[in-house]
Amino acid sequence: MFKSASLKVVGASKLHCESCEQRVVRVLNALKGVERVRADASSQRIEILFDPGALATDAIVERLALLGYTTEPAERTAMDSEQVTPGQPR
């Protein structure tokens, strides 16, 4: 079963454009255990669907910090309550 995390970018470094979004998606998708990533510059949100047995939320936050983004938990969304099993259509 996958878990979802919704993070808000805070601080001086923000997601400014589509290139910023794509960079975050590319880097997080490279982490073992990540199933899906959405990054949105307009809302400064990053939503991640991942396998908690292979990856911890702290590791995601640390990777974003290496990219220069400070994050905090965001308000819950529909994706946060999504429960997906491997191989299940999304």
PDB file of N, CA and C in Angstrom:
ATOM      1  N   MET A   1       0.851  -1.175   0.000  1.00  0.00           N
ATOM      2  CA  MET A   1       0.000   0.000   0.000  1.00  0.00           C
ATOM      3  C   MET A   1       0.894   1.234   0.000  1.00  0.00           C
ATOM      4  N   PHE A   2       0.500   2.219  -0.745  1.00  0.00           N
ATOM      5  CA  PHE A   2       1.251   3.462  -0.830  1.00  0.00           C
ATOM      6  C   PHE A   2       0.697   4.493   0.147  1.00  0.00           C
ATOM      7  N   LYS A   3       1.550   5.413   0.523  1.00  0.00           N
ATOM      8  CA  LYS A   3       1.199   6.513   1.417  1.00  0.00           C
ATOM      9  C   LYS A   3       1.385   7.809   0.632  1.00  0.00           C
ATOM     10  N   SER A   4       0.629   8.822   0.983  1.00  0.00           N
ATOM     11  CA  SER A   4       0.809  10.105   0.315  1.00  0.00           C
ATOM     12  C   SER A   4       1.256  11.157   1.317  1.00  0.00           C
ATOM     13  N   ALA A   5       2.007  12.113   0.809  1.00  0.00           N
ATOM     14  CA  ALA A   5       2.447  13.252   1.610  1.00  0.00           C
ATOM     15  C   ALA A   5       2.203  14.507   0.790  1.00  0.00           C
ATOM     16  N   SER A   6       1.738  15.530   1.452  1.00  0.00           N
ATOM     17  CA  SER A   6       1.513  16.814   0.806  1.00  0.00           C
ATOM     18  C   SER A   6       2.352  17.845   1.543  1.00  0.00           C
ATOM     19  N   LEU A   7       3.257  18.481   0.804  1.00  0.00           N
ATOM     20  CA  LEU A   7       4.182  19.440   1.396  1.00  0.00           C
ATOM     21  C   LEU A   7       3.992  20.815   0.777  1.00  0.00           C
ATOM     22  N   LYS A   8       4.183  21.838   1.582  1.00  0.00           N
ATOM     23  CA  LYS A   8       4.116  23.227   1.118  1.00  0.00           C
ATOM     24  C   LYS A   8       5.523  23.796   1.161  1.00  0.00           C
ATOM     25  N   VAL A   9       5.925  24.436   0.063  1.00  0.00           N
ATOM     26  CA  VAL A   9       7.235  25.083   0.001  1.00  0.00           C
ATOM     27  C   VAL A   9       7.131  26.413   0.744  1.00  0.00           C
ATOM     28  N   VAL A  10       8.034  26.623   1.711  1.00  0.00           N
ATOM     29  CA  VAL A  10       8.048  27.851   2.514  1.00  0.00           C
ATOM     30  C   VAL A  10       9.462  28.433   2.477  1.00  0.00           C
ATOM     31  N   GLY A  11       9.612  29.644   2.935  1.00  0.00           N
ATOM     32  CA  GLY A  11      10.942  30.246   2.976  1.00  0.00           C
ATOM     33  C   GLY A  11      11.253  31.023   1.713  1.00  0.00           C
ATOM     34  N   ALA A  12      12.519  31.368   1.560  1.00  0.00           N
ATOM     35  CA  ALA A  12      12.953  32.231   0.459  1.00  0.00           C
ATOM     36  C   ALA A  12      12.894  31.547  -0.901  1.00  0.00           C
ATOM     37  N   SER A  13      13.300  30.297  -0.980  1.00  0.00           N
ATOM     38  CA  SER A  13      13.303  29.584  -2.266  1.00  0.00           C
ATOM     39  C   SER A  13      11.920  29.037  -2.550  1.00  0.00           C
ATOM     40  N   LYS A  14      11.373  29.407  -3.674  1.00  0.00           N
ATOM     41  CA  LYS A  14      10.031  28.983  -4.073  1.00  0.00           C
ATOM     42  C   LYS A  14      10.090  28.244  -5.398  1.00  0.00           C
ATOM     43  N   LEU A  15       9.019  27.545  -5.705  1.00  0.00           N
ATOM     44  CA  LEU A  15       8.832  26.993  -7.043  1.00  0.00           C
ATOM     45  C   LEU A  15       8.356  28.164  -7.896  1.00  0.00           C
ATOM     46  N   HIS A  16       9.171  28.588  -8.851  1.00  0.00           N
ATOM     47  CA  HIS A  16       8.836  29.783  -9.622  1.00  0.00           C
ATOM     48  C   HIS A  16       8.180  29.494 -10.963  1.00  0.00           C
ATOM     49  N   CYS A  17       8.467  28.326 -11.535  1.00  0.00           N
ATOM     50  CA  CYS A  17       8.048  28.105 -12.915  1.00  0.00           C
ATOM     51  C   CYS A  17       7.913  26.608 -13.199  1.00  0.00           C
ATOM     52  N   GLU A  18       7.563  26.306 -14.429  1.00  0.00           N
ATOM     53  CA  GLU A  18       7.414  24.918 -14.851  1.00  0.00           C
ATOM     54  C   GLU A  18       8.736  24.159 -14.756  1.00  0.00           C
ATOM     55  N   SER A  19       9.846  24.823 -15.009  1.00  0.00           N
ATOM     56  CA  SER A  19      11.155  24.162 -14.893  1.00  0.00           C
ATOM     57  C   SER A  19      11.426  23.737 -13.455  1.00  0.00           C
ATOM     58  N   CYS A  20      11.049  24.578 -12.497  1.00  0.00           N
ATOM     59  CA  CYS A  20      11.193  24.224 -11.079  1.00  0.00           C
ATOM     60  C   CYS A  20      10.340  22.995 -10.761  1.00  0.00           C
ATOM     61  N   GLU A  21       9.106  23.006 -11.248  1.00  0.00           N
ATOM     62  CA  GLU A  21       8.208  21.868 -11.028  1.00  0.00           C
ATOM     63  C   GLU A  21       8.812  20.592 -11.607  1.00  0.00           C
ATOM     64  N   GLN A  22       9.289  20.672 -12.839  1.00  0.00           N
ATOM     65  CA  GLN A  22       9.846  19.495 -13.511  1.00  0.00           C
ATOM     66  C   GLN A  22      11.083  18.974 -12.795  1.00  0.00           C
ATOM     67  N   ARG A  23      11.908  19.879 -12.295  1.00  0.00           N
ATOM     68  CA  ARG A  23      13.113  19.460 -11.568  1.00  0.00           C
ATOM     69  C   ARG A  23      12.735  18.680 -10.312  1.00  0.00           C
ATOM     70  N   VAL A  24      11.783  19.194  -9.542  1.00  0.00           N
ATOM     71  CA  VAL A  24      11.334  18.511  -8.329  1.00  0.00           C
ATOM     72  C   VAL A  24      10.765  17.139  -8.679  1.00  0.00           C
ATOM     73  N   VAL A  25       9.917  17.081  -9.690  1.00  0.00           N
ATOM     74  CA  VAL A  25       9.309  15.810 -10.105  1.00  0.00           C
ATOM     75  C   VAL A  25      10.391  14.819 -10.530  1.00  0.00           C
ATOM     76  N   ARG A  26      11.340  15.265 -11.333  1.00  0.00           N
ATOM     77  CA  ARG A  26      12.408  14.387 -11.824  1.00  0.00           C
ATOM     78  C   ARG A  26      13.259  13.841 -10.669  1.00  0.00           C
ATOM     79  N   VAL A  27      13.662  14.713  -9.752  1.00  0.00           N
ATOM     80  CA  VAL A  27      14.527  14.299  -8.644  1.00  0.00           C
ATOM     81  C   VAL A  27      13.788  13.357  -7.693  1.00  0.00           C
ATOM     82  N   LEU A  28      12.549  13.677  -7.346  1.00  0.00           N
ATOM     83  CA  LEU A  28      11.814  12.812  -6.419  1.00  0.00           C
ATOM     84  C   LEU A  28      11.421  11.491  -7.070  1.00  0.00           C
ATOM     85  N   ASN A  29      11.084  11.501  -8.350  1.00  0.00           N
ATOM     86  CA  ASN A  29      10.757  10.247  -9.035  1.00  0.00           C
ATOM     87  C   ASN A  29      11.944   9.295  -9.085  1.00  0.00           C
ATOM     88  N   ALA A  30      13.151   9.824  -8.962  1.00  0.00           N
ATOM     89  CA  ALA A  30      14.352   8.986  -8.980  1.00  0.00           C
ATOM     90  C   ALA A  30      14.565   8.253  -7.656  1.00  0.00           C
ATOM     91  N   LEU A  31      13.850   8.652  -6.605  1.00  0.00           N
ATOM     92  CA  LEU A  31      13.990   7.987  -5.312  1.00  0.00           C
ATOM     93  C   LEU A  31      13.277   6.642  -5.330  1.00  0.00           C
ATOM     94  N   LYS A  32      13.935   5.629  -4.794  1.00  0.00           N
ATOM     95  CA  LYS A  32      13.325   4.302  -4.712  1.00  0.00           C
ATOM     96  C   LYS A  32      12.091   4.374  -3.810  1.00  0.00           C
ATOM     97  N   GLY A  33      10.979   3.875  -4.311  1.00  0.00           N
ATOM     98  CA  GLY A  33       9.745   3.845  -3.539  1.00  0.00           C
ATOM     99  C   GLY A  33       8.733   4.905  -3.942  1.00  0.00           C
ATOM    100  N   VAL A  34       9.142   5.868  -4.766  1.00  0.00           N
ATOM    101  CA  VAL A  34       8.212   6.922  -5.196  1.00  0.00           C
ATOM    102  C   VAL A  34       7.375   6.402  -6.358  1.00  0.00           C
ATOM    103  N   GLU A  35       6.082   6.533  -6.228  1.00  0.00           N
ATOM    104  CA  GLU A  35       5.135   6.097  -7.257  1.00  0.00           C
ATOM    105  C   GLU A  35       4.694   7.262  -8.142  1.00  0.00           C
ATOM    106  N   ARG A  36       4.470   8.439  -7.522  1.00  0.00           N
ATOM    107  CA  ARG A  36       3.964   9.588  -8.281  1.00  0.00           C
ATOM    108  C   ARG A  36       4.311  10.879  -7.544  1.00  0.00           C
ATOM    109  N   VAL A  37       4.602  11.912  -8.316  1.00  0.00           N
ATOM    110  CA  VAL A  37       4.910  13.234  -7.754  1.00  0.00           C
ATOM    111  C   VAL A  37       4.152  14.284  -8.554  1.00  0.00           C
ATOM    112  N   ARG A  38       3.598  15.249  -7.854  1.00  0.00           N
ATOM    113  CA  ARG A  38       2.995  16.429  -8.478  1.00  0.00           C
ATOM    114  C   ARG A  38       3.598  17.650  -7.798  1.00  0.00           C
ATOM    115  N   ALA A  39       4.064  18.589  -8.588  1.00  0.00           N
ATOM    116  CA  ALA A  39       4.576  19.851  -8.052  1.00  0.00           C
ATOM    117  C   ALA A  39       3.822  20.982  -8.733  1.00  0.00           C
ATOM    118  N   ASP A  40       3.393  21.966  -7.948  1.00  0.00           N
ATOM    119  CA  ASP A  40       2.601  23.067  -8.491  1.00  0.00           C
ATOM    120  C   ASP A  40       3.138  24.402  -7.988  1.00  0.00           C
ATOM    121  N   ALA A  41       3.711  25.187  -8.895  1.00  0.00           N
ATOM    122  CA  ALA A  41       4.292  26.483  -8.530  1.00  0.00           C
ATOM    123  C   ALA A  41       3.229  27.476  -8.062  1.00  0.00           C
ATOM    124  N   SER A  42       2.034  27.414  -8.625  1.00  0.00           N
ATOM    125  CA  SER A  42       1.005  28.393  -8.254  1.00  0.00           C
ATOM    126  C   SER A  42       0.549  28.232  -6.804  1.00  0.00           C
ATOM    127  N   SER A  43       0.521  27.009  -6.303  1.00  0.00           N
ATOM    128  CA  SER A  43       0.107  26.774  -4.918  1.00  0.00           C
ATOM    129  C   SER A  43       1.285  26.495  -3.992  1.00  0.00           C
ATOM    130  N   GLN A  44       2.494  26.348  -4.567  1.00  0.00           N
ATOM    131  CA  GLN A  44       3.701  26.011  -3.806  1.00  0.00           C
ATOM    132  C   GLN A  44       3.546  24.672  -3.075  1.00  0.00           C
ATOM    133  N   ARG A  45       2.866  23.737  -3.729  1.00  0.00           N
ATOM    134  CA  ARG A  45       2.626  22.416  -3.135  1.00  0.00           C
ATOM    135  C   ARG A  45       3.340  21.327  -3.913  1.00  0.00           C
ATOM    136  N   ILE A  46       3.773  20.326  -3.164  1.00  0.00           N
ATOM    137  CA  ILE A  46       4.366  19.127  -3.743  1.00  0.00           C
ATOM    138  C   ILE A  46       3.636  17.950  -3.112  1.00  0.00           C
ATOM    139  N   GLU A  47       3.060  17.104  -3.949  1.00  0.00           N
ATOM    140  CA  GLU A  47       2.335  15.932  -3.463  1.00  0.00           C
ATOM    141  C   GLU A  47       3.055  14.692  -3.959  1.00  0.00           C
ATOM    142  N   ILE A  48       3.297  13.767  -3.040  1.00  0.00           N
ATOM    143  CA  ILE A  48       4.073  12.575  -3.346  1.00  0.00           C
ATOM    144  C   ILE A  48       3.300  11.341  -2.903  1.00  0.00           C
ATOM    145  N   LEU A  49       3.227  10.353  -3.772  1.00  0.00           N
ATOM    146  CA  LEU A  49       2.665   9.050  -3.449  1.00  0.00           C
ATOM    147  C   LEU A  49       3.842   8.089  -3.428  1.00  0.00           C
ATOM    148  N   PHE A  50       4.050   7.394  -2.294  1.00  0.00           N
ATOM    149  CA  PHE A  50       5.249   6.579  -2.147  1.00  0.00           C
ATOM    150  C   PHE A  50       5.001   5.359  -1.270  1.00  0.00           C
ATOM    151  N   ASP A  51       5.945   4.423  -1.339  1.00  0.00           N
ATOM    152  CA  ASP A  51       5.912   3.207  -0.534  1.00  0.00           C
ATOM    153  C   ASP A  51       6.641   3.492   0.777  1.00  0.00           C
ATOM    154  N   PRO A  52       5.923   3.548   1.910  1.00  0.00           N
ATOM    155  CA  PRO A  52       6.575   3.866   3.178  1.00  0.00           C
ATOM    156  C   PRO A  52       7.530   2.767   3.653  1.00  0.00           C
ATOM    157  N   GLY A  53       7.440   1.584   3.071  1.00  0.00           N
ATOM    158  CA  GLY A  53       8.378   0.520   3.403  1.00  0.00           C
ATOM    159  C   GLY A  53       9.729   0.712   2.739  1.00  0.00           C
ATOM    160  N   ALA A  54       9.770   1.530   1.695  1.00  0.00           N
ATOM    161  CA  ALA A  54      11.010   1.765   0.957  1.00  0.00           C
ATOM    162  C   ALA A  54      11.558   3.171   1.157  1.00  0.00           C
ATOM    163  N   LEU A  55      10.724   4.090   1.649  1.00  0.00           N
ATOM    164  CA  LEU A  55      11.129   5.494   1.725  1.00  0.00           C
ATOM    165  C   LEU A  55      10.367   6.186   2.853  1.00  0.00           C
ATOM    166  N   ALA A  56      11.077   6.996   3.626  1.00  0.00           N
ATOM    167  CA  ALA A  56      10.453   7.762   4.708  1.00  0.00           C
ATOM    168  C   ALA A  56      10.179   9.190   4.243  1.00  0.00           C
ATOM    169  N   THR A  57       9.153   9.792   4.814  1.00  0.00           N
ATOM    170  CA  THR A  57       8.834  11.184   4.492  1.00  0.00           C
ATOM    171  C   THR A  57      10.027  12.090   4.770  1.00  0.00           C
ATOM    172  N   ASP A  58      10.761  11.810   5.845  1.00  0.00           N
ATOM    173  CA  ASP A  58      11.942  12.621   6.174  1.00  0.00           C
ATOM    174  C   ASP A  58      12.964  12.612   5.045  1.00  0.00           C
ATOM    175  N   ALA A  59      13.116  11.483   4.365  1.00  0.00           N
ATOM    176  CA  ALA A  59      14.066  11.394   3.247  1.00  0.00           C
ATOM    177  C   ALA A  59      13.615  12.277   2.083  1.00  0.00           C
ATOM    178  N   ILE A  60      12.313  12.373   1.879  1.00  0.00           N
ATOM    179  CA  ILE A  60      11.774  13.240   0.825  1.00  0.00           C
ATOM    180  C   ILE A  60      12.052  14.698   1.176  1.00  0.00           C
ATOM    181  N   VAL A  61      11.780  15.068   2.421  1.00  0.00           N
ATOM    182  CA  VAL A  61      12.015  16.438   2.884  1.00  0.00           C
ATOM    183  C   VAL A  61      13.497  16.790   2.766  1.00  0.00           C
ATOM    184  N   GLU A  62      14.369  15.846   3.131  1.00  0.00           N
ATOM    185  CA  GLU A  62      15.816  16.078   3.029  1.00  0.00           C
ATOM    186  C   GLU A  62      16.246  16.270   1.576  1.00  0.00           C
ATOM    187  N   ARG A  63      15.699  15.479   0.666  1.00  0.00           N
ATOM    188  CA  ARG A  63      16.055  15.620  -0.749  1.00  0.00           C
ATOM    189  C   ARG A  63      15.602  16.979  -1.285  1.00  0.00           C
ATOM    190  N   LEU A  64      14.412  17.423  -0.873  1.00  0.00           N
ATOM    191  CA  LEU A  64      13.946  18.747  -1.285  1.00  0.00           C
ATOM    192  C   LEU A  64      14.846  19.844  -0.718  1.00  0.00           C
ATOM    193  N   ALA A  65      15.336  19.658   0.504  1.00  0.00           N
ATOM    194  CA  ALA A  65      16.254  20.631   1.105  1.00  0.00           C
ATOM    195  C   ALA A  65      17.552  20.709   0.305  1.00  0.00           C
ATOM    196  N   LEU A  66      18.026  19.567  -0.203  1.00  0.00           N
ATOM    197  CA  LEU A  66      19.229  19.569  -1.044  1.00  0.00           C
ATOM    198  C   LEU A  66      19.005  20.359  -2.333  1.00  0.00           C
ATOM    199  N   LEU A  67      17.759  20.403  -2.792  1.00  0.00           N
ATOM    200  CA  LEU A  67      17.416  21.200  -3.974  1.00  0.00           C
ATOM    201  C   LEU A  67      17.239  22.683  -3.630  1.00  0.00           C
ATOM    202  N   GLY A  68      17.246  22.990  -2.331  1.00  0.00           N
ATOM    203  CA  GLY A  68      17.105  24.378  -1.897  1.00  0.00           C
ATOM    204  C   GLY A  68      15.721  24.756  -1.421  1.00  0.00           C
ATOM    205  N   TYR A  69      14.828  23.773  -1.277  1.00  0.00           N
ATOM    206  CA  TYR A  69      13.452  24.060  -0.875  1.00  0.00           C
ATOM    207  C   TYR A  69      13.207  23.643   0.570  1.00  0.00           C
ATOM    208  N   THR A  70      12.685  24.571   1.358  1.00  0.00           N
ATOM    209  CA  THR A  70      12.247  24.279   2.713  1.00  0.00           C
ATOM    210  C   THR A  70      10.760  23.957   2.629  1.00  0.00           C
ATOM    211  N   THR A  71      10.355  22.868   3.262  1.00  0.00           N
ATOM    212  CA  THR A  71       8.952  22.458   3.182  1.00  0.00           C
ATOM    213  C   THR A  71       8.382  22.209   4.568  1.00  0.00           C
ATOM    214  N   GLU A  72       7.078  22.220   4.620  1.00  0.00           N
ATOM    215  CA  GLU A  72       6.343  21.848   5.826  1.00  0.00           C
ATOM    216  C   GLU A  72       5.099  21.104   5.373  1.00  0.00           C
ATOM    217  N   PRO A  73       4.497  20.315   6.267  1.00  0.00           N
ATOM    218  CA  PRO A  73       3.274  19.613   5.870  1.00  0.00           C
ATOM    219  C   PRO A  73       2.199  20.608   5.438  1.00  0.00           C
ATOM    220  N   ALA A  74       1.508  20.277   4.362  1.00  0.00           N
ATOM    221  CA  ALA A  74       0.427  21.122   3.854  1.00  0.00           C
ATOM    222  C   ALA A  74      -0.907  20.566   4.330  1.00  0.00           C
ATOM    223  N   GLU A  75      -1.943  21.350   4.135  1.00  0.00           N
ATOM    224  CA  GLU A  75      -3.285  20.861   4.456  1.00  0.00           C
ATOM    225  C   GLU A  75      -3.581  19.646   3.599  1.00  0.00           C
ATOM    226  N   ARG A  76      -4.382  18.763   4.129  1.00  0.00           N
ATOM    227  CA  ARG A  76      -4.695  17.521   3.420  1.00  0.00           C
ATOM    228  C   ARG A  76      -5.531  17.798   2.174  1.00  0.00           C
ATOM    229  N   THR A  77      -5.306  16.957   1.144  1.00  0.00           N
ATOM    230  CA  THR A  77      -6.044  17.059  -0.113  1.00  0.00           C
ATOM    231  C   THR A  77      -6.629  15.699  -0.446  1.00  0.00           C
ATOM    232  N   ALA A  78      -7.301  15.616  -1.574  1.00  0.00           N
ATOM    233  CA  ALA A  78      -7.869  14.340  -2.020  1.00  0.00           C
ATOM    234  C   ALA A  78      -6.776  13.295  -2.208  1.00  0.00           C
ATOM    235  N   MET A  79      -5.615  13.704  -2.714  1.00  0.00           N
ATOM    236  CA  MET A  79      -4.531  12.742  -2.919  1.00  0.00           C
ATOM    237  C   MET A  79      -4.031  12.196  -1.587  1.00  0.00           C
ATOM    238  N   ASP A  80      -4.086  13.006  -0.515  1.00  0.00           N
ATOM    239  CA  ASP A  80      -3.616  12.559   0.787  1.00  0.00           C
ATOM    240  C   ASP A  80      -4.399  11.358   1.294  1.00  0.00           C
ATOM    241  N   SER A  81      -5.672  11.286   0.977  1.00  0.00           N
ATOM    242  CA  SER A  81      -6.493  10.190   1.468  1.00  0.00           C
ATOM    243  C   SER A  81      -6.538   9.020   0.494  1.00  0.00           C
ATOM    244  N   GLU A  82      -5.861   9.165  -0.628  1.00  0.00           N
ATOM    245  CA  GLU A  82      -5.854   8.133  -1.658  1.00  0.00           C
ATOM    246  C   GLU A  82      -5.082   6.908  -1.175  1.00  0.00           C
ATOM    247  N   GLN A  83      -5.672   5.768  -1.297  1.00  0.00           N
ATOM    248  CA  GLN A  83      -5.018   4.511  -0.959  1.00  0.00           C
ATOM    249  C   GLN A  83      -4.881   3.706  -2.238  1.00  0.00           C
ATOM    250  N   VAL A  84      -3.671   3.456  -2.653  1.00  0.00           N
ATOM    251  CA  VAL A  84      -3.419   2.758  -3.904  1.00  0.00           C
ATOM    252  C   VAL A  84      -2.524   1.571  -3.625  1.00  0.00           C
ATOM    253  N   THR A  85      -2.885   0.432  -4.175  1.00  0.00           N
ATOM    254  CA  THR A  85      -2.022  -0.732  -4.060  1.00  0.00           C
ATOM    255  C   THR A  85      -1.206  -0.855  -5.335  1.00  0.00           C
ATOM    256  N   PRO A  86      -0.013  -1.453  -5.251  1.00  0.00           N
ATOM    257  CA  PRO A  86       0.815  -1.581  -6.453  1.00  0.00           C
ATOM    258  C   PRO A  86       0.048  -2.250  -7.588  1.00  0.00           C
ATOM    259  N   GLY A  87       0.185  -1.690  -8.784  1.00  0.00           N
ATOM    260  CA  GLY A  87      -0.469  -2.249  -9.961  1.00  0.00           C
ATOM    261  C   GLY A  87      -1.898  -1.784 -10.162  1.00  0.00           C
ATOM    262  N   GLN A  88      -2.462  -1.107  -9.165  1.00  0.00           N
ATOM    263  CA  GLN A  88      -3.831  -0.608  -9.276  1.00  0.00           C
ATOM    264  C   GLN A  88      -3.845   0.617 -10.179  1.00  0.00           C
ATOM    265  N   PRO A  89      -4.793   0.724 -11.111  1.00  0.00           N
ATOM    266  CA  PRO A  89      -4.873   1.915 -11.963  1.00  0.00           C
ATOM    267  C   PRO A  89      -5.058   3.170 -11.126  1.00  0.00           C
ATOM    268  N   ARG A  90      -4.455   4.258 -11.591  1.00  0.00           N
ATOM    269  CA  ARG A  90      -4.561   5.532 -10.876  1.00  0.00           C
ATOM    270  C   ARG A  90      -5.342   6.513 -11.700  1.00  0.00           C
TER     271      ARG A  90
END
